[in-house]
PDBML (XML) file of the C-alpha atoms, coordinates in Angstrom:
<?xml version="1.0" encoding="UTF-8" ?>
<PDBx:datablock datablockName="MODEL"
   xmlns:PDBx="http://pdbml.pdb.org/schema/pdbx-v50.xsd"
   xmlns:xsi="http://www.w3.org/2001/XMLSchema-instance"
   xsi:schemaLocation="http://pdbml.pdb.org/schema/pdbx-v50.xsd pdbx-v50.xsd">
   <PDBx:atom_siteCategory>
      <PDBx:atom_site id="1">
         <PDBx:B_iso_or_equiv>0.00</PDBx:B_iso_or_equiv>
         <PDBx:Cartn_x>-0.008</PDBx:Cartn_x>
         <PDBx:Cartn_y>-0.167</PDBx:Cartn_y>
         <PDBx:Cartn_z>0.098</PDBx:Cartn_z>
         <PDBx:auth_asym_id>A</PDBx:auth_asym_id>
         <PDBx:auth_atom_id>CA</PDBx:auth_atom_id>
         <PDBx:auth_comp_id>UNK</PDBx:auth_comp_id>
         <PDBx:auth_seq_id>1</PDBx:auth_seq_id>
         <PDBx:group_PDB>ATOM</PDBx:group_PDB>
         <PDBx:label_alt_id xsi:nil="true" />
         <PDBx:label_asym_id>A</PDBx:label_asym_id>
         <PDBx:label_atom_id>CA</PDBx:label_atom_id>
         <PDBx:label_comp_id>UNK</PDBx:label_comp_id>
         <PDBx:label_entity_id>1</PDBx:label_entity_id>
         <PDBx:label_seq_id>1</PDBx:label_seq_id>
         <PDBx:occupancy>1.00</PDBx:occupancy>
         <PDBx:pdbx_PDB_model_num>1</PDBx:pdbx_PDB_model_num>
         <PDBx:type_symbol>C</PDBx:type_symbol>
      </PDBx:atom_site>
      <PDBx:atom_site id="2">
         <PDBx:B_iso_or_equiv>0.00</PDBx:B_iso_or_equiv>
         <PDBx:Cartn_x>0.606</PDBx:Cartn_x>
         <PDBx:Cartn_y>3.500</PDBx:Cartn_y>
         <PDBx:Cartn_z>-0.272</PDBx:Cartn_z>
         <PDBx:auth_asym_id>A</PDBx:auth_asym_id>
         <PDBx:auth_atom_id>CA</PDBx:auth_atom_id>
         <PDBx:auth_comp_id>UNK</PDBx:auth_comp_id>
         <PDBx:auth_seq_id>2</PDBx:auth_seq_id>
         <PDBx:group_PDB>ATOM</PDBx:group_PDB>
         <PDBx:label_alt_id xsi:nil="true" />
         <PDBx:label_asym_id>A</PDBx:label_asym_id>
         <PDBx:label_atom_id>CA</PDBx:label_atom_id>
         <PDBx:label_comp_id>UNK</PDBx:label_comp_id>
         <PDBx:label_entity_id>1</PDBx:label_entity_id>
         <PDBx:label_seq_id>2</PDBx:label_seq_id>
         <PDBx:occupancy>1.00</PDBx:occupancy>
         <PDBx:pdbx_PDB_model_num>1</PDBx:pdbx_PDB_model_num>
         <PDBx:type_symbol>C</PDBx:type_symbol>
      </PDBx:atom_site>
      <PDBx:atom_site id="3">
         <PDBx:B_iso_or_equiv>0.00</PDBx:B_iso_or_equiv>
         <PDBx:Cartn_x>-0.956</PDBx:Cartn_x>
         <PDBx:Cartn_y>5.989</PDBx:Cartn_y>
         <PDBx:Cartn_z>1.668</PDBx:Cartn_z>
         <PDBx:auth_asym_id>A</PDBx:auth_asym_id>
         <PDBx:auth_atom_id>CA</PDBx:auth_atom_id>
         <PDBx:auth_comp_id>UNK</PDBx:auth_comp_id>
         <PDBx:auth_seq_id>3</PDBx:auth_seq_id>
         <PDBx:group_PDB>ATOM</PDBx:group_PDB>
         <PDBx:label_alt_id xsi:nil="true" />
         <PDBx:label_asym_id>A</PDBx:label_asym_id>
         <PDBx:label_atom_id>CA</PDBx:label_atom_id>
         <PDBx:label_comp_id>UNK</PDBx:label_comp_id>
         <PDBx:label_entity_id>1</PDBx:label_entity_id>
         <PDBx:label_seq_id>3</PDBx:label_seq_id>
         <PDBx:occupancy>1.00</PDBx:occupancy>
         <PDBx:pdbx_PDB_model_num>1</PDBx:pdbx_PDB_model_num>
         <PDBx:type_symbol>C</PDBx:type_symbol>
      </PDBx:atom_site>
      <PDBx:atom_site id="4">
         <PDBx:B_iso_or_equiv>0.00</PDBx:B_iso_or_equiv>
         <PDBx:Cartn_x>-0.446</PDBx:Cartn_x>
         <PDBx:Cartn_y>10.443</PDBx:Cartn_y>
         <PDBx:Cartn_z>1.261</PDBx:Cartn_z>
         <PDBx:auth_asym_id>A</PDBx:auth_asym_id>
         <PDBx:auth_atom_id>CA</PDBx:auth_atom_id>
         <PDBx:auth_comp_id>UNK</PDBx:auth_comp_id>
         <PDBx:auth_seq_id>4</PDBx:auth_seq_id>
         <PDBx:group_PDB>ATOM</PDBx:group_PDB>
         <PDBx:label_alt_id xsi:nil="true" />
         <PDBx:label_asym_id>A</PDBx:label_asym_id>
         <PDBx:label_atom_id>CA</PDBx:label_atom_id>
         <PDBx:label_comp_id>UNK</PDBx:label_comp_id>
         <PDBx:label_entity_id>1</PDBx:label_entity_id>
         <PDBx:label_seq_id>4</PDBx:label_seq_id>
         <PDBx:occupancy>1.00</PDBx:occupancy>
         <PDBx:pdbx_PDB_model_num>1</PDBx:pdbx_PDB_model_num>
         <PDBx:type_symbol>C</PDBx:type_symbol>
      </PDBx:atom_site>
      <PDBx:atom_site id="5">
         <PDBx:B_iso_or_equiv>0.00</PDBx:B_iso_or_equiv>
         <PDBx:Cartn_x>-0.909</PDBx:Cartn_x>
         <PDBx:Cartn_y>11.833</PDBx:Cartn_y>
         <PDBx:Cartn_z>4.540</PDBx:Cartn_z>
         <PDBx:auth_asym_id>A</PDBx:auth_asym_id>
         <PDBx:auth_atom_id>CA</PDBx:auth_atom_id>
         <PDBx:auth_comp_id>UNK</PDBx:auth_comp_id>
         <PDBx:auth_seq_id>5</PDBx:auth_seq_id>
         <PDBx:group_PDB>ATOM</PDBx:group_PDB>
         <PDBx:label_alt_id xsi:nil="true" />
         <PDBx:label_asym_id>A</PDBx:label_asym_id>
         <PDBx:label_atom_id>CA</PDBx:label_atom_id>
         <PDBx:label_comp_id>UNK</PDBx:label_comp_id>
         <PDBx:label_entity_id>1</PDBx:label_entity_id>
         <PDBx:label_seq_id>5</PDBx:label_seq_id>
         <PDBx:occupancy>1.00</PDBx:occupancy>
         <PDBx:pdbx_PDB_model_num>1</PDBx:pdbx_PDB_model_num>
         <PDBx:type_symbol>C</PDBx:type_symbol>
      </PDBx:atom_site>
      <PDBx:atom_site id="6">
         <PDBx:B_iso_or_equiv>0.00</PDBx:B_iso_or_equiv>
         <PDBx:Cartn_x>-2.829</PDBx:Cartn_x>
         <PDBx:Cartn_y>15.255</PDBx:Cartn_y>
         <PDBx:Cartn_z>4.081</PDBx:Cartn_z>
         <PDBx:auth_asym_id>A</PDBx:auth_asym_id>
         <PDBx:auth_atom_id>CA</PDBx:auth_atom_id>
         <PDBx:auth_comp_id>UNK</PDBx:auth_comp_id>
         <PDBx:auth_seq_id>6</PDBx:auth_seq_id>
         <PDBx:group_PDB>ATOM</PDBx:group_PDB>
         <PDBx:label_alt_id xsi:nil="true" />
         <PDBx:label_asym_id>A</PDBx:label_asym_id>
         <PDBx:label_atom_id>CA</PDBx:label_atom_id>
         <PDBx:label_comp_id>UNK</PDBx:label_comp_id>
         <PDBx:label_entity_id>1</PDBx:label_entity_id>
         <PDBx:label_seq_id>6</PDBx:label_seq_id>
         <PDBx:occupancy>1.00</PDBx:occupancy>
         <PDBx:pdbx_PDB_model_num>1</PDBx:pdbx_PDB_model_num>
         <PDBx:type_symbol>C</PDBx:type_symbol>
      </PDBx:atom_site>
      <PDBx:atom_site id="7">
         <PDBx:B_iso_or_equiv>0.00</PDBx:B_iso_or_equiv>
         <PDBx:Cartn_x>-3.221</PDBx:Cartn_x>
         <PDBx:Cartn_y>15.456</PDBx:Cartn_y>
         <PDBx:Cartn_z>0.265</PDBx:Cartn_z>
         <PDBx:auth_asym_id>A</PDBx:auth_asym_id>
         <PDBx:auth_atom_id>CA</PDBx:auth_atom_id>
         <PDBx:auth_comp_id>UNK</PDBx:auth_comp_id>
         <PDBx:auth_seq_id>7</PDBx:auth_seq_id>
         <PDBx:group_PDB>ATOM</PDBx:group_PDB>
         <PDBx:label_alt_id xsi:nil="true" />
         <PDBx:label_asym_id>A</PDBx:label_asym_id>
         <PDBx:label_atom_id>CA</PDBx:label_atom_id>
         <PDBx:label_comp_id>UNK</PDBx:label_comp_id>
         <PDBx:label_entity_id>1</PDBx:label_entity_id>
         <PDBx:label_seq_id>7</PDBx:label_seq_id>
         <PDBx:occupancy>1.00</PDBx:occupancy>
         <PDBx:pdbx_PDB_model_num>1</PDBx:pdbx_PDB_model_num>
         <PDBx:type_symbol>C</PDBx:type_symbol>
      </PDBx:atom_site>
      <PDBx:atom_site id="8">
         <PDBx:B_iso_or_equiv>0.00</PDBx:B_iso_or_equiv>
         <PDBx:Cartn_x>-3.318</PDBx:Cartn_x>
         <PDBx:Cartn_y>18.292</PDBx:Cartn_y>
         <PDBx:Cartn_z>-2.024</PDBx:Cartn_z>
         <PDBx:auth_asym_id>A</PDBx:auth_asym_id>
         <PDBx:auth_atom_id>CA</PDBx:auth_atom_id>
         <PDBx:auth_comp_id>UNK</PDBx:auth_comp_id>
         <PDBx:auth_seq_id>8</PDBx:auth_seq_id>
         <PDBx:group_PDB>ATOM</PDBx:group_PDB>
         <PDBx:label_alt_id xsi:nil="true" />
         <PDBx:label_asym_id>A</PDBx:label_asym_id>
         <PDBx:label_atom_id>CA</PDBx:label_atom_id>
         <PDBx:label_comp_id>UNK</PDBx:label_comp_id>
         <PDBx:label_entity_id>1</PDBx:label_entity_id>
         <PDBx:label_seq_id>8</PDBx:label_seq_id>
         <PDBx:occupancy>1.00</PDBx:occupancy>
         <PDBx:pdbx_PDB_model_num>1</PDBx:pdbx_PDB_model_num>
         <PDBx:type_symbol>C</PDBx:type_symbol>
      </PDBx:atom_site>
      <PDBx:atom_site id="9">
         <PDBx:B_iso_or_equiv>0.00</PDBx:B_iso_or_equiv>
         <PDBx:Cartn_x>-2.868</PDBx:Cartn_x>
         <PDBx:Cartn_y>19.060</PDBx:Cartn_y>
         <PDBx:Cartn_z>-5.182</PDBx:Cartn_z>
         <PDBx:auth_asym_id>A</PDBx:auth_asym_id>
         <PDBx:auth_atom_id>CA</PDBx:auth_atom_id>
         <PDBx:auth_comp_id>UNK</PDBx:auth_comp_id>
         <PDBx:auth_seq_id>9</PDBx:auth_seq_id>
         <PDBx:group_PDB>ATOM</PDBx:group_PDB>
         <PDBx:label_alt_id xsi:nil="true" />
         <PDBx:label_asym_id>A</PDBx:label_asym_id>
         <PDBx:label_atom_id>CA</PDBx:label_atom_id>
         <PDBx:label_comp_id>UNK</PDBx:label_comp_id>
         <PDBx:label_entity_id>1</PDBx:label_entity_id>
         <PDBx:label_seq_id>9</PDBx:label_seq_id>
         <PDBx:occupancy>1.00</PDBx:occupancy>
         <PDBx:pdbx_PDB_model_num>1</PDBx:pdbx_PDB_model_num>
         <PDBx:type_symbol>C</PDBx:type_symbol>
      </PDBx:atom_site>
      <PDBx:atom_site id="10">
         <PDBx:B_iso_or_equiv>0.00</PDBx:B_iso_or_equiv>
         <PDBx:Cartn_x>0.914</PDBx:Cartn_x>
         <PDBx:Cartn_y>19.186</PDBx:Cartn_y>
         <PDBx:Cartn_z>-5.658</PDBx:Cartn_z>
         <PDBx:auth_asym_id>A</PDBx:auth_asym_id>
         <PDBx:auth_atom_id>CA</PDBx:auth_atom_id>
         <PDBx:auth_comp_id>UNK</PDBx:auth_comp_id>
         <PDBx:auth_seq_id>10</PDBx:auth_seq_id>
         <PDBx:group_PDB>ATOM</PDBx:group_PDB>
         <PDBx:label_alt_id xsi:nil="true" />
         <PDBx:label_asym_id>A</PDBx:label_asym_id>
         <PDBx:label_atom_id>CA</PDBx:label_atom_id>
         <PDBx:label_comp_id>UNK</PDBx:label_comp_id>
         <PDBx:label_entity_id>1</PDBx:label_entity_id>
         <PDBx:label_seq_id>10</PDBx:label_seq_id>
         <PDBx:occupancy>1.00</PDBx:occupancy>
         <PDBx:pdbx_PDB_model_num>1</PDBx:pdbx_PDB_model_num>
         <PDBx:type_symbol>C</PDBx:type_symbol>
      </PDBx:atom_site>
      <PDBx:atom_site id="11">
         <PDBx:B_iso_or_equiv>0.00</PDBx:B_iso_or_equiv>
         <PDBx:Cartn_x>0.367</PDBx:Cartn_x>
         <PDBx:Cartn_y>15.085</PDBx:Cartn_y>
         <PDBx:Cartn_z>-4.690</PDBx:Cartn_z>
         <PDBx:auth_asym_id>A</PDBx:auth_asym_id>
         <PDBx:auth_atom_id>CA</PDBx:auth_atom_id>
         <PDBx:auth_comp_id>UNK</PDBx:auth_comp_id>
         <PDBx:auth_seq_id>11</PDBx:auth_seq_id>
         <PDBx:group_PDB>ATOM</PDBx:group_PDB>
         <PDBx:label_alt_id xsi:nil="true" />
         <PDBx:label_asym_id>A</PDBx:label_asym_id>
         <PDBx:label_atom_id>CA</PDBx:label_atom_id>
         <PDBx:label_comp_id>UNK</PDBx:label_comp_id>
         <PDBx:label_entity_id>1</PDBx:label_entity_id>
         <PDBx:label_seq_id>11</PDBx:label_seq_id>
         <PDBx:occupancy>1.00</PDBx:occupancy>
         <PDBx:pdbx_PDB_model_num>1</PDBx:pdbx_PDB_model_num>
         <PDBx:type_symbol>C</PDBx:type_symbol>
      </PDBx:atom_site>
      <PDBx:atom_site id="12">
         <PDBx:B_iso_or_equiv>0.00</PDBx:B_iso_or_equiv>
         <PDBx:Cartn_x>-1.387</PDBx:Cartn_x>
         <PDBx:Cartn_y>14.866</PDBx:Cartn_y>
         <PDBx:Cartn_z>-8.459</PDBx:Cartn_z>
         <PDBx:auth_asym_id>A</PDBx:auth_asym_id>
         <PDBx:auth_atom_id>CA</PDBx:auth_atom_id>
         <PDBx:auth_comp_id>UNK</PDBx:auth_comp_id>
         <PDBx:auth_seq_id>12</PDBx:auth_seq_id>
         <PDBx:group_PDB>ATOM</PDBx:group_PDB>
         <PDBx:label_alt_id xsi:nil="true" />
         <PDBx:label_asym_id>A</PDBx:label_asym_id>
         <PDBx:label_atom_id>CA</PDBx:label_atom_id>
         <PDBx:label_comp_id>UNK</PDBx:label_comp_id>
         <PDBx:label_entity_id>1</PDBx:label_entity_id>
         <PDBx:label_seq_id>12</PDBx:label_seq_id>
         <PDBx:occupancy>1.00</PDBx:occupancy>
         <PDBx:pdbx_PDB_model_num>1</PDBx:pdbx_PDB_model_num>
         <PDBx:type_symbol>C</PDBx:type_symbol>
      </PDBx:atom_site>
      <PDBx:atom_site id="13">
         <PDBx:B_iso_or_equiv>0.00</PDBx:B_iso_or_equiv>
         <PDBx:Cartn_x>-0.442</PDBx:Cartn_x>
         <PDBx:Cartn_y>13.203</PDBx:Cartn_y>
         <PDBx:Cartn_z>-10.825</PDBx:Cartn_z>
         <PDBx:auth_asym_id>A</PDBx:auth_asym_id>
         <PDBx:auth_atom_id>CA</PDBx:auth_atom_id>
         <PDBx:auth_comp_id>UNK</PDBx:auth_comp_id>
         <PDBx:auth_seq_id>13</PDBx:auth_seq_id>
         <PDBx:group_PDB>ATOM</PDBx:group_PDB>
         <PDBx:label_alt_id xsi:nil="true" />
         <PDBx:label_asym_id>A</PDBx:label_asym_id>
         <PDBx:label_atom_id>CA</PDBx:label_atom_id>
         <PDBx:label_comp_id>UNK</PDBx:label_comp_id>
         <PDBx:label_entity_id>1</PDBx:label_entity_id>
         <PDBx:label_seq_id>13</PDBx:label_seq_id>
         <PDBx:occupancy>1.00</PDBx:occupancy>
         <PDBx:pdbx_PDB_model_num>1</PDBx:pdbx_PDB_model_num>
         <PDBx:type_symbol>C</PDBx:type_symbol>
      </PDBx:atom_site>
      <PDBx:atom_site id="14">
         <PDBx:B_iso_or_equiv>0.00</PDBx:B_iso_or_equiv>
         <PDBx:Cartn_x>0.839</PDBx:Cartn_x>
         <PDBx:Cartn_y>9.171</PDBx:Cartn_y>
         <PDBx:Cartn_z>-12.608</PDBx:Cartn_z>
         <PDBx:auth_asym_id>A</PDBx:auth_asym_id>
         <PDBx:auth_atom_id>CA</PDBx:auth_atom_id>
         <PDBx:auth_comp_id>UNK</PDBx:auth_comp_id>
         <PDBx:auth_seq_id>14</PDBx:auth_seq_id>
         <PDBx:group_PDB>ATOM</PDBx:group_PDB>
         <PDBx:label_alt_id xsi:nil="true" />
         <PDBx:label_asym_id>A</PDBx:label_asym_id>
         <PDBx:label_atom_id>CA</PDBx:label_atom_id>
         <PDBx:label_comp_id>UNK</PDBx:label_comp_id>
         <PDBx:label_entity_id>1</PDBx:label_entity_id>
         <PDBx:label_seq_id>14</PDBx:label_seq_id>
         <PDBx:occupancy>1.00</PDBx:occupancy>
         <PDBx:pdbx_PDB_model_num>1</PDBx:pdbx_PDB_model_num>
         <PDBx:type_symbol>C</PDBx:type_symbol>
      </PDBx:atom_site>
      <PDBx:atom_site id="15">
         <PDBx:B_iso_or_equiv>0.00</PDBx:B_iso_or_equiv>
         <PDBx:Cartn_x>1.325</PDBx:Cartn_x>
         <PDBx:Cartn_y>6.733</PDBx:Cartn_y>
         <PDBx:Cartn_z>-9.707</PDBx:Cartn_z>
         <PDBx:auth_asym_id>A</PDBx:auth_asym_id>
         <PDBx:auth_atom_id>CA</PDBx:auth_atom_id>
         <PDBx:auth_comp_id>UNK</PDBx:auth_comp_id>
         <PDBx:auth_seq_id>15</PDBx:auth_seq_id>
         <PDBx:group_PDB>ATOM</PDBx:group_PDB>
         <PDBx:label_alt_id xsi:nil="true" />
         <PDBx:label_asym_id>A</PDBx:label_asym_id>
         <PDBx:label_atom_id>CA</PDBx:label_atom_id>
         <PDBx:label_comp_id>UNK</PDBx:label_comp_id>
         <PDBx:label_entity_id>1</PDBx:label_entity_id>
         <PDBx:label_seq_id>15</PDBx:label_seq_id>
         <PDBx:occupancy>1.00</PDBx:occupancy>
         <PDBx:pdbx_PDB_model_num>1</PDBx:pdbx_PDB_model_num>
         <PDBx:type_symbol>C</PDBx:type_symbol>
      </PDBx:atom_site>
      <PDBx:atom_site id="16">
         <PDBx:B_iso_or_equiv>0.00</PDBx:B_iso_or_equiv>
         <PDBx:Cartn_x>2.542</PDBx:Cartn_x>
         <PDBx:Cartn_y>3.549</PDBx:Cartn_y>
         <PDBx:Cartn_z>-10.622</PDBx:Cartn_z>
         <PDBx:auth_asym_id>A</PDBx:auth_asym_id>
         <PDBx:auth_atom_id>CA</PDBx:auth_atom_id>
         <PDBx:auth_comp_id>UNK</PDBx:auth_comp_id>
         <PDBx:auth_seq_id>16</PDBx:auth_seq_id>
         <PDBx:group_PDB>ATOM</PDBx:group_PDB>
         <PDBx:label_alt_id xsi:nil="true" />
         <PDBx:label_asym_id>A</PDBx:label_asym_id>
         <PDBx:label_atom_id>CA</PDBx:label_atom_id>
         <PDBx:label_comp_id>UNK</PDBx:label_comp_id>
         <PDBx:label_entity_id>1</PDBx:label_entity_id>
         <PDBx:label_seq_id>16</PDBx:label_seq_id>
         <PDBx:occupancy>1.00</PDBx:occupancy>
         <PDBx:pdbx_PDB_model_num>1</PDBx:pdbx_PDB_model_num>
         <PDBx:type_symbol>C</PDBx:type_symbol>
      </PDBx:atom_site>
      <PDBx:atom_site id="17">
         <PDBx:B_iso_or_equiv>0.00</PDBx:B_iso_or_equiv>
         <PDBx:Cartn_x>3.225</PDBx:Cartn_x>
         <PDBx:Cartn_y>0.023</PDBx:Cartn_y>
         <PDBx:Cartn_z>-8.789</PDBx:Cartn_z>
         <PDBx:auth_asym_id>A</PDBx:auth_asym_id>
         <PDBx:auth_atom_id>CA</PDBx:auth_atom_id>
         <PDBx:auth_comp_id>UNK</PDBx:auth_comp_id>
         <PDBx:auth_seq_id>17</PDBx:auth_seq_id>
         <PDBx:group_PDB>ATOM</PDBx:group_PDB>
         <PDBx:label_alt_id xsi:nil="true" />
         <PDBx:label_asym_id>A</PDBx:label_asym_id>
         <PDBx:label_atom_id>CA</PDBx:label_atom_id>
         <PDBx:label_comp_id>UNK</PDBx:label_comp_id>
         <PDBx:label_entity_id>1</PDBx:label_entity_id>
         <PDBx:label_seq_id>17</PDBx:label_seq_id>
         <PDBx:occupancy>1.00</PDBx:occupancy>
         <PDBx:pdbx_PDB_model_num>1</PDBx:pdbx_PDB_model_num>
         <PDBx:type_symbol>C</PDBx:type_symbol>
      </PDBx:atom_site>
      <PDBx:atom_site id="18">
         <PDBx:B_iso_or_equiv>0.00</PDBx:B_iso_or_equiv>
         <PDBx:Cartn_x>5.804</PDBx:Cartn_x>
         <PDBx:Cartn_y>-2.218</PDBx:Cartn_y>
         <PDBx:Cartn_z>-9.633</PDBx:Cartn_z>
         <PDBx:auth_asym_id>A</PDBx:auth_asym_id>
         <PDBx:auth_atom_id>CA</PDBx:auth_atom_id>
         <PDBx:auth_comp_id>UNK</PDBx:auth_comp_id>
         <PDBx:auth_seq_id>18</PDBx:auth_seq_id>
         <PDBx:group_PDB>ATOM</PDBx:group_PDB>
         <PDBx:label_alt_id xsi:nil="true" />
         <PDBx:label_asym_id>A</PDBx:label_asym_id>
         <PDBx:label_atom_id>CA</PDBx:label_atom_id>
         <PDBx:label_comp_id>UNK</PDBx:label_comp_id>
         <PDBx:label_entity_id>1</PDBx:label_entity_id>
         <PDBx:label_seq_id>18</PDBx:label_seq_id>
         <PDBx:occupancy>1.00</PDBx:occupancy>
         <PDBx:pdbx_PDB_model_num>1</PDBx:pdbx_PDB_model_num>
         <PDBx:type_symbol>C</PDBx:type_symbol>
      </PDBx:atom_site>
      <PDBx:atom_site id="19">
         <PDBx:B_iso_or_equiv>0.00</PDBx:B_iso_or_equiv>
         <PDBx:Cartn_x>6.594</PDBx:Cartn_x>
         <PDBx:Cartn_y>-5.956</PDBx:Cartn_y>
         <PDBx:Cartn_z>-8.823</PDBx:Cartn_z>
         <PDBx:auth_asym_id>A</PDBx:auth_asym_id>
         <PDBx:auth_atom_id>CA</PDBx:auth_atom_id>
         <PDBx:auth_comp_id>UNK</PDBx:auth_comp_id>
         <PDBx:auth_seq_id>19</PDBx:auth_seq_id>
         <PDBx:group_PDB>ATOM</PDBx:group_PDB>
         <PDBx:label_alt_id xsi:nil="true" />
         <PDBx:label_asym_id>A</PDBx:label_asym_id>
         <PDBx:label_atom_id>CA</PDBx:label_atom_id>
         <PDBx:label_comp_id>UNK</PDBx:label_comp_id>
         <PDBx:label_entity_id>1</PDBx:label_entity_id>
         <PDBx:label_seq_id>19</PDBx:label_seq_id>
         <PDBx:occupancy>1.00</PDBx:occupancy>
         <PDBx:pdbx_PDB_model_num>1</PDBx:pdbx_PDB_model_num>
         <PDBx:type_symbol>C</PDBx:type_symbol>
      </PDBx:atom_site>
      <PDBx:atom_site id="20">
         <PDBx:B_iso_or_equiv>0.00</PDBx:B_iso_or_equiv>
         <PDBx:Cartn_x>10.013</PDBx:Cartn_x>
         <PDBx:Cartn_y>-7.149</PDBx:Cartn_y>
         <PDBx:Cartn_z>-10.384</PDBx:Cartn_z>
         <PDBx:auth_asym_id>A</PDBx:auth_asym_id>
         <PDBx:auth_atom_id>CA</PDBx:auth_atom_id>
         <PDBx:auth_comp_id>UNK</PDBx:auth_comp_id>
         <PDBx:auth_seq_id>20</PDBx:auth_seq_id>
         <PDBx:group_PDB>ATOM</PDBx:group_PDB>
         <PDBx:label_alt_id xsi:nil="true" />
         <PDBx:label_asym_id>A</PDBx:label_asym_id>
         <PDBx:label_atom_id>CA</PDBx:label_atom_id>
         <PDBx:label_comp_id>UNK</PDBx:label_comp_id>
         <PDBx:label_entity_id>1</PDBx:label_entity_id>
         <PDBx:label_seq_id>20</PDBx:label_seq_id>
         <PDBx:occupancy>1.00</PDBx:occupancy>
         <PDBx:pdbx_PDB_model_num>1</PDBx:pdbx_PDB_model_num>
         <PDBx:type_symbol>C</PDBx:type_symbol>
      </PDBx:atom_site>
      <PDBx:atom_site id="21">
         <PDBx:B_iso_or_equiv>0.00</PDBx:B_iso_or_equiv>
         <PDBx:Cartn_x>11.569</PDBx:Cartn_x>
         <PDBx:Cartn_y>-11.109</PDBx:Cartn_y>
         <PDBx:Cartn_z>-9.321</PDBx:Cartn_z>
         <PDBx:auth_asym_id>A</PDBx:auth_asym_id>
         <PDBx:auth_atom_id>CA</PDBx:auth_atom_id>
         <PDBx:auth_comp_id>UNK</PDBx:auth_comp_id>
         <PDBx:auth_seq_id>21</PDBx:auth_seq_id>
         <PDBx:group_PDB>ATOM</PDBx:group_PDB>
         <PDBx:label_alt_id xsi:nil="true" />
         <PDBx:label_asym_id>A</PDBx:label_asym_id>
         <PDBx:label_atom_id>CA</PDBx:label_atom_id>
         <PDBx:label_comp_id>UNK</PDBx:label_comp_id>
         <PDBx:label_entity_id>1</PDBx:label_entity_id>
         <PDBx:label_seq_id>21</PDBx:label_seq_id>
         <PDBx:occupancy>1.00</PDBx:occupancy>
         <PDBx:pdbx_PDB_model_num>1</PDBx:pdbx_PDB_model_num>
         <PDBx:type_symbol>C</PDBx:type_symbol>
      </PDBx:atom_site>
      <PDBx:atom_site id="22">
         <PDBx:B_iso_or_equiv>0.00</PDBx:B_iso_or_equiv>
         <PDBx:Cartn_x>14.263</PDBx:Cartn_x>
         <PDBx:Cartn_y>-13.016</PDBx:Cartn_y>
         <PDBx:Cartn_z>-11.625</PDBx:Cartn_z>
         <PDBx:auth_asym_id>A</PDBx:auth_asym_id>
         <PDBx:auth_atom_id>CA</PDBx:auth_atom_id>
         <PDBx:auth_comp_id>UNK</PDBx:auth_comp_id>
         <PDBx:auth_seq_id>22</PDBx:auth_seq_id>
         <PDBx:group_PDB>ATOM</PDBx:group_PDB>
         <PDBx:label_alt_id xsi:nil="true" />
         <PDBx:label_asym_id>A</PDBx:label_asym_id>
         <PDBx:label_atom_id>CA</PDBx:label_atom_id>
         <PDBx:label_comp_id>UNK</PDBx:label_comp_id>
         <PDBx:label_entity_id>1</PDBx:label_entity_id>
         <PDBx:label_seq_id>22</PDBx:label_seq_id>
         <PDBx:occupancy>1.00</PDBx:occupancy>
         <PDBx:pdbx_PDB_model_num>1</PDBx:pdbx_PDB_model_num>
         <PDBx:type_symbol>C</PDBx:type_symbol>
      </PDBx:atom_site>
      <PDBx:atom_site id="23">
         <PDBx:B_iso_or_equiv>0.00</PDBx:B_iso_or_equiv>
         <PDBx:Cartn_x>10.631</PDBx:Cartn_x>
         <PDBx:Cartn_y>-14.677</PDBx:Cartn_y>
         <PDBx:Cartn_z>-13.590</PDBx:Cartn_z>
         <PDBx:auth_asym_id>A</PDBx:auth_asym_id>
         <PDBx:auth_atom_id>CA</PDBx:auth_atom_id>
         <PDBx:auth_comp_id>UNK</PDBx:auth_comp_id>
         <PDBx:auth_seq_id>23</PDBx:auth_seq_id>
         <PDBx:group_PDB>ATOM</PDBx:group_PDB>
         <PDBx:label_alt_id xsi:nil="true" />
         <PDBx:label_asym_id>A</PDBx:label_asym_id>
         <PDBx:label_atom_id>CA</PDBx:label_atom_id>
         <PDBx:label_comp_id>UNK</PDBx:label_comp_id>
         <PDBx:label_entity_id>1</PDBx:label_entity_id>
         <PDBx:label_seq_id>23</PDBx:label_seq_id>
         <PDBx:occupancy>1.00</PDBx:occupancy>
         <PDBx:pdbx_PDB_model_num>1</PDBx:pdbx_PDB_model_num>
         <PDBx:type_symbol>C</PDBx:type_symbol>
      </PDBx:atom_site>
      <PDBx:atom_site id="24">
         <PDBx:B_iso_or_equiv>0.00</PDBx:B_iso_or_equiv>
         <PDBx:Cartn_x>9.815</PDBx:Cartn_x>
         <PDBx:Cartn_y>-10.719</PDBx:Cartn_y>
         <PDBx:Cartn_z>-14.976</PDBx:Cartn_z>
         <PDBx:auth_asym_id>A</PDBx:auth_asym_id>
         <PDBx:auth_atom_id>CA</PDBx:auth_atom_id>
         <PDBx:auth_comp_id>UNK</PDBx:auth_comp_id>
         <PDBx:auth_seq_id>24</PDBx:auth_seq_id>
         <PDBx:group_PDB>ATOM</PDBx:group_PDB>
         <PDBx:label_alt_id xsi:nil="true" />
         <PDBx:label_asym_id>A</PDBx:label_asym_id>
         <PDBx:label_atom_id>CA</PDBx:label_atom_id>
         <PDBx:label_comp_id>UNK</PDBx:label_comp_id>
         <PDBx:label_entity_id>1</PDBx:label_entity_id>
         <PDBx:label_seq_id>24</PDBx:label_seq_id>
         <PDBx:occupancy>1.00</PDBx:occupancy>
         <PDBx:pdbx_PDB_model_num>1</PDBx:pdbx_PDB_model_num>
         <PDBx:type_symbol>C</PDBx:type_symbol>
      </PDBx:atom_site>
      <PDBx:atom_site id="25">
         <PDBx:B_iso_or_equiv>0.00</PDBx:B_iso_or_equiv>
         <PDBx:Cartn_x>8.138</PDBx:Cartn_x>
         <PDBx:Cartn_y>-6.953</PDBx:Cartn_y>
         <PDBx:Cartn_z>-14.181</PDBx:Cartn_z>
         <PDBx:auth_asym_id>A</PDBx:auth_asym_id>
         <PDBx:auth_atom_id>CA</PDBx:auth_atom_id>
         <PDBx:auth_comp_id>UNK</PDBx:auth_comp_id>
         <PDBx:auth_seq_id>25</PDBx:auth_seq_id>
         <PDBx:group_PDB>ATOM</PDBx:group_PDB>
         <PDBx:label_alt_id xsi:nil="true" />
         <PDBx:label_asym_id>A</PDBx:label_asym_id>
         <PDBx:label_atom_id>CA</PDBx:label_atom_id>
         <PDBx:label_comp_id>UNK</PDBx:label_comp_id>
         <PDBx:label_entity_id>1</PDBx:label_entity_id>
         <PDBx:label_seq_id>25</PDBx:label_seq_id>
         <PDBx:occupancy>1.00</PDBx:occupancy>
         <PDBx:pdbx_PDB_model_num>1</PDBx:pdbx_PDB_model_num>
         <PDBx:type_symbol>C</PDBx:type_symbol>
      </PDBx:atom_site>
   </PDBx:atom_siteCategory>
</PDBx:datablock>
């Protein structure tokens, strides 16, 4: 999980999550 406390307009944008191991991405 990603939690942003007291979110403001500067937090707007693309949020990306990646999972990587030797078998793939």
